[in-house]
Amino acid sequence: MPRTASPATANPDLPATYEAALEELEQLVAQLDAGQLPLDQLLVRYQRGAALLSFCRDRLTAVENQIQVLEGQQPKPWDAA
């Protein structure tokens, strides 16, 4: 079965890991919340944030799918303890 390229290798502008993308996304949110950027930079940073958010969601979905495979397609509830 051929392996498909990971999202990071498919788009070299994206971080290599979920953690790096999340860190950059948090920085972008802080910059946007500060309200000190010119309008054109707000748009560029918003677009970058949208790309990072999509990357993070895709990575989480991939992990959830792998967990379901490992658990025999039967998701197990998290323990409340």
N, C-alpha and C. Protein backbone atom coordinates (compact mmCIF):
# COMPACT_ATOMS: atom_id res chain seq x y z
N MET A 1 0.86 -1.17 0.00
CA MET A 1 0.00 0.00 0.00
C MET A 1 0.91 1.24 0.00
N PRO A 2 0.77 2.14 -0.99
CA PRO A 2 1.64 3.32 -1.02
C PRO A 2 1.26 4.30 0.06
N ARG A 3 2.29 4.93 0.60
CA ARG A 3 2.06 5.94 1.63
C ARG A 3 1.81 7.27 0.98
N THR A 4 0.88 8.01 1.50
CA THR A 4 0.61 9.35 0.99
C THR A 4 1.48 10.33 1.76
N ALA A 5 1.73 11.44 1.14
CA ALA A 5 2.54 12.48 1.79
C ALA A 5 1.79 13.04 2.99
N SER A 6 2.52 13.34 4.04
CA SER A 6 1.91 13.97 5.19
C SER A 6 1.54 15.40 4.82
N PRO A 7 0.61 16.02 5.56
CA PRO A 7 0.24 17.40 5.24
C PRO A 7 1.43 18.35 5.23
N ALA A 8 2.40 18.12 6.10
CA ALA A 8 3.55 19.01 6.15
C ALA A 8 4.42 18.86 4.90
N THR A 9 4.55 17.63 4.38
CA THR A 9 5.36 17.46 3.18
C THR A 9 4.58 17.86 1.94
N ALA A 10 3.27 17.78 2.00
CA ALA A 10 2.46 18.21 0.87
C ALA A 10 2.50 19.73 0.71
N ASN A 11 2.63 20.44 1.81
CA ASN A 11 2.72 21.89 1.80
C ASN A 11 3.90 22.28 2.69
N PRO A 12 5.05 22.57 2.08
CA PRO A 12 6.24 22.86 2.89
C PRO A 12 6.12 24.12 3.74
N ASP A 13 5.10 24.93 3.51
CA ASP A 13 4.91 26.13 4.31
C ASP A 13 4.31 25.82 5.68
N LEU A 14 3.80 24.60 5.85
CA LEU A 14 3.20 24.22 7.12
C LEU A 14 4.25 23.62 8.04
N PRO A 15 4.07 23.77 9.35
CA PRO A 15 5.02 23.18 10.30
C PRO A 15 5.06 21.66 10.15
N ALA A 16 6.12 21.07 10.65
CA ALA A 16 6.30 19.63 10.55
C ALA A 16 5.46 18.87 11.56
N THR A 17 5.09 19.52 12.66
CA THR A 17 4.37 18.82 13.71
C THR A 17 3.12 19.58 14.14
N TYR A 18 2.22 18.85 14.77
CA TYR A 18 1.01 19.44 15.33
C TYR A 18 1.39 20.48 16.39
N GLU A 19 2.36 20.13 17.23
CA GLU A 19 2.75 21.02 18.32
C GLU A 19 3.31 22.35 17.79
N ALA A 20 4.12 22.28 16.74
CA ALA A 20 4.67 23.50 16.15
C ALA A 20 3.56 24.35 15.53
N ALA A 21 2.61 23.70 14.88
CA ALA A 21 1.49 24.43 14.28
C ALA A 21 0.65 25.09 15.36
N LEU A 22 0.40 24.38 16.44
CA LEU A 22 -0.40 24.93 17.54
C LEU A 22 0.29 26.12 18.18
N GLU A 23 1.60 26.03 18.37
CA GLU A 23 2.35 27.14 18.95
C GLU A 23 2.28 28.38 18.05
N GLU A 24 2.47 28.17 16.75
CA GLU A 24 2.39 29.30 15.82
C GLU A 24 0.98 29.88 15.79
N LEU A 25 -0.01 29.01 15.84
CA LEU A 25 -1.40 29.47 15.84
C LEU A 25 -1.69 30.31 17.08
N GLU A 26 -1.19 29.89 18.22
CA GLU A 26 -1.39 30.66 19.46
C GLU A 26 -0.73 32.04 19.34
N GLN A 27 0.45 32.10 18.73
CA GLN A 27 1.12 33.39 18.54
C GLN A 27 0.31 34.29 17.60
N LEU A 28 -0.23 33.71 16.54
CA LEU A 28 -1.04 34.49 15.61
C LEU A 28 -2.29 35.04 16.28
N VAL A 29 -2.93 34.22 17.09
CA VAL A 29 -4.13 34.67 17.80
C VAL A 29 -3.79 35.83 18.72
N ALA A 30 -2.66 35.75 19.40
CA ALA A 30 -2.25 36.85 20.28
C ALA A 30 -2.01 38.12 19.47
N GLN A 31 -1.39 38.00 18.31
CA GLN A 31 -1.15 39.17 17.47
C GLN A 31 -2.47 39.77 16.98
N LEU A 32 -3.38 38.92 16.58
CA LEU A 32 -4.68 39.40 16.10
C LEU A 32 -5.47 40.05 17.23
N ASP A 33 -5.43 39.45 18.40
CA ASP A 33 -6.15 40.00 19.55
C ASP A 33 -5.59 41.34 20.00
N ALA A 34 -4.30 41.55 19.79
CA ALA A 34 -3.68 42.80 20.21
C ALA A 34 -4.23 43.99 19.43
N GLY A 35 -4.69 43.75 18.21
CA GLY A 35 -5.29 44.82 17.42
C GLY A 35 -4.32 45.90 16.98
N GLN A 36 -3.05 45.58 16.88
CA GLN A 36 -2.03 46.58 16.53
C GLN A 36 -1.52 46.44 15.10
N LEU A 37 -2.07 45.51 14.32
CA LEU A 37 -1.58 45.26 12.98
C LEU A 37 -2.38 46.04 11.94
N PRO A 38 -1.73 46.46 10.85
CA PRO A 38 -2.46 47.09 9.75
C PRO A 38 -3.41 46.07 9.11
N LEU A 39 -4.41 46.56 8.45
CA LEU A 39 -5.46 45.72 7.88
C LEU A 39 -4.90 44.65 6.94
N ASP A 40 -3.97 45.00 6.07
CA ASP A 40 -3.44 44.01 5.13
C ASP A 40 -2.69 42.89 5.86
N GLN A 41 -2.00 43.22 6.94
CA GLN A 41 -1.31 42.18 7.71
C GLN A 41 -2.29 41.34 8.52
N LEU A 42 -3.38 41.95 8.94
CA LEU A 42 -4.41 41.18 9.63
C LEU A 42 -4.94 40.08 8.71
N LEU A 43 -5.18 40.44 7.47
CA LEU A 43 -5.71 39.47 6.51
C LEU A 43 -4.70 38.35 6.27
N VAL A 44 -3.43 38.69 6.08
CA VAL A 44 -2.39 37.68 5.85
C VAL A 44 -2.29 36.74 7.04
N ARG A 45 -2.30 37.30 8.24
CA ARG A 45 -2.17 36.47 9.44
C ARG A 45 -3.43 35.63 9.67
N TYR A 46 -4.59 36.18 9.33
CA TYR A 46 -5.83 35.41 9.44
C TYR A 46 -5.78 34.22 8.50
N GLN A 47 -5.32 34.43 7.27
CA GLN A 47 -5.22 33.34 6.30
C GLN A 47 -4.24 32.28 6.78
N ARG A 48 -3.11 32.70 7.33
CA ARG A 48 -2.14 31.75 7.87
C ARG A 48 -2.76 30.96 9.03
N GLY A 49 -3.48 31.66 9.88
CA GLY A 49 -4.15 31.00 10.99
C GLY A 49 -5.16 29.97 10.51
N ALA A 50 -5.90 30.29 9.46
CA ALA A 50 -6.87 29.34 8.91
C ALA A 50 -6.16 28.10 8.37
N ALA A 51 -5.01 28.28 7.72
CA ALA A 51 -4.25 27.15 7.21
C ALA A 51 -3.72 26.29 8.36
N LEU A 52 -3.22 26.94 9.41
CA LEU A 52 -2.71 26.20 10.57
C LEU A 52 -3.84 25.45 11.28
N LEU A 53 -4.99 26.08 11.39
CA LEU A 53 -6.14 25.43 12.03
C LEU A 53 -6.55 24.19 11.24
N SER A 54 -6.59 24.30 9.94
CA SER A 54 -6.93 23.17 9.09
C SER A 54 -5.90 22.04 9.26
N PHE A 55 -4.62 22.40 9.31
CA PHE A 55 -3.56 21.42 9.52
C PHE A 55 -3.76 20.70 10.85
N CYS A 56 -4.03 21.45 11.91
CA CYS A 56 -4.23 20.85 13.24
C CYS A 56 -5.44 19.93 13.26
N ARG A 57 -6.53 20.37 12.65
CA ARG A 57 -7.73 19.52 12.59
C ARG A 57 -7.46 18.24 11.82
N ASP A 58 -6.74 18.35 10.71
CA ASP A 58 -6.41 17.16 9.92
C ASP A 58 -5.56 16.19 10.72
N ARG A 59 -4.58 16.71 11.46
CA ARG A 59 -3.73 15.84 12.27
C ARG A 59 -4.53 15.16 13.38
N LEU A 60 -5.42 15.90 14.03
CA LEU A 60 -6.25 15.30 15.08
C LEU A 60 -7.17 14.23 14.52
N THR A 61 -7.75 14.48 13.37
CA THR A 61 -8.61 13.49 12.72
C THR A 61 -7.82 12.23 12.39
N ALA A 62 -6.60 12.40 11.88
CA ALA A 62 -5.76 11.25 11.55
C ALA A 62 -5.46 10.42 12.81
N VAL A 63 -5.17 11.10 13.90
CA VAL A 63 -4.89 10.39 15.15
C VAL A 63 -6.15 9.67 15.65
N GLU A 64 -7.29 10.34 15.60
CA GLU A 64 -8.54 9.70 16.02
C GLU A 64 -8.83 8.46 15.18
N ASN A 65 -8.60 8.55 13.87
CA ASN A 65 -8.83 7.41 13.00
C ASN A 65 -7.89 6.26 13.34
N GLN A 66 -6.63 6.58 13.63
CA GLN A 66 -5.67 5.54 13.99
C GLN A 66 -6.06 4.88 15.31
N ILE A 67 -6.54 5.66 16.25
CA ILE A 67 -6.98 5.10 17.54
C ILE A 67 -8.14 4.14 17.31
N GLN A 68 -9.08 4.52 16.45
CA GLN A 68 -10.21 3.63 16.16
C GLN A 68 -9.74 2.33 15.53
N VAL A 69 -8.75 2.40 14.65
CA VAL A 69 -8.20 1.19 14.04
C VAL A 69 -7.57 0.32 15.12
N LEU A 70 -6.78 0.93 15.99
CA LEU A 70 -6.11 0.18 17.04
C LEU A 70 -7.10 -0.44 18.02
N GLU A 71 -8.25 0.19 18.19
CA GLU A 71 -9.26 -0.31 19.12
C GLU A 71 -10.29 -1.18 18.41
N GLY A 72 -10.01 -1.59 17.19
CA GLY A 72 -10.93 -2.46 16.48
C GLY A 72 -12.20 -1.77 16.06
N GLN A 73 -12.13 -0.51 15.69
CA GLN A 73 -13.27 0.29 15.23
C GLN A 73 -14.29 0.58 16.32
N GLN A 74 -13.99 0.24 17.54
CA GLN A 74 -14.89 0.50 18.65
C GLN A 74 -14.27 1.54 19.58
N PRO A 75 -14.59 2.83 19.41
CA PRO A 75 -14.03 3.84 20.31
C PRO A 75 -14.39 3.52 21.76
N LYS A 76 -13.43 3.67 22.62
CA LYS A 76 -13.66 3.40 24.04
C LYS A 76 -13.82 4.72 24.76
N PRO A 77 -14.74 4.81 25.71
CA PRO A 77 -14.93 6.07 26.44
C PRO A 77 -13.72 6.38 27.33
N TRP A 78 -13.46 7.66 27.48
CA TRP A 78 -12.41 8.08 28.40
C TRP A 78 -12.90 7.87 29.82
N ASP A 79 -12.02 7.42 30.69
CA ASP A 79 -12.38 7.29 32.11
C ASP A 79 -12.47 8.67 32.73
N ALA A 80 -13.48 8.89 33.53
CA ALA A 80 -13.67 10.17 34.19
C ALA A 80 -12.70 10.34 35.36
N ALA A 81 -12.13 9.25 35.84
CA ALA A 81 -11.22 9.30 36.99
C ALA A 81 -9.88 9.86 36.63
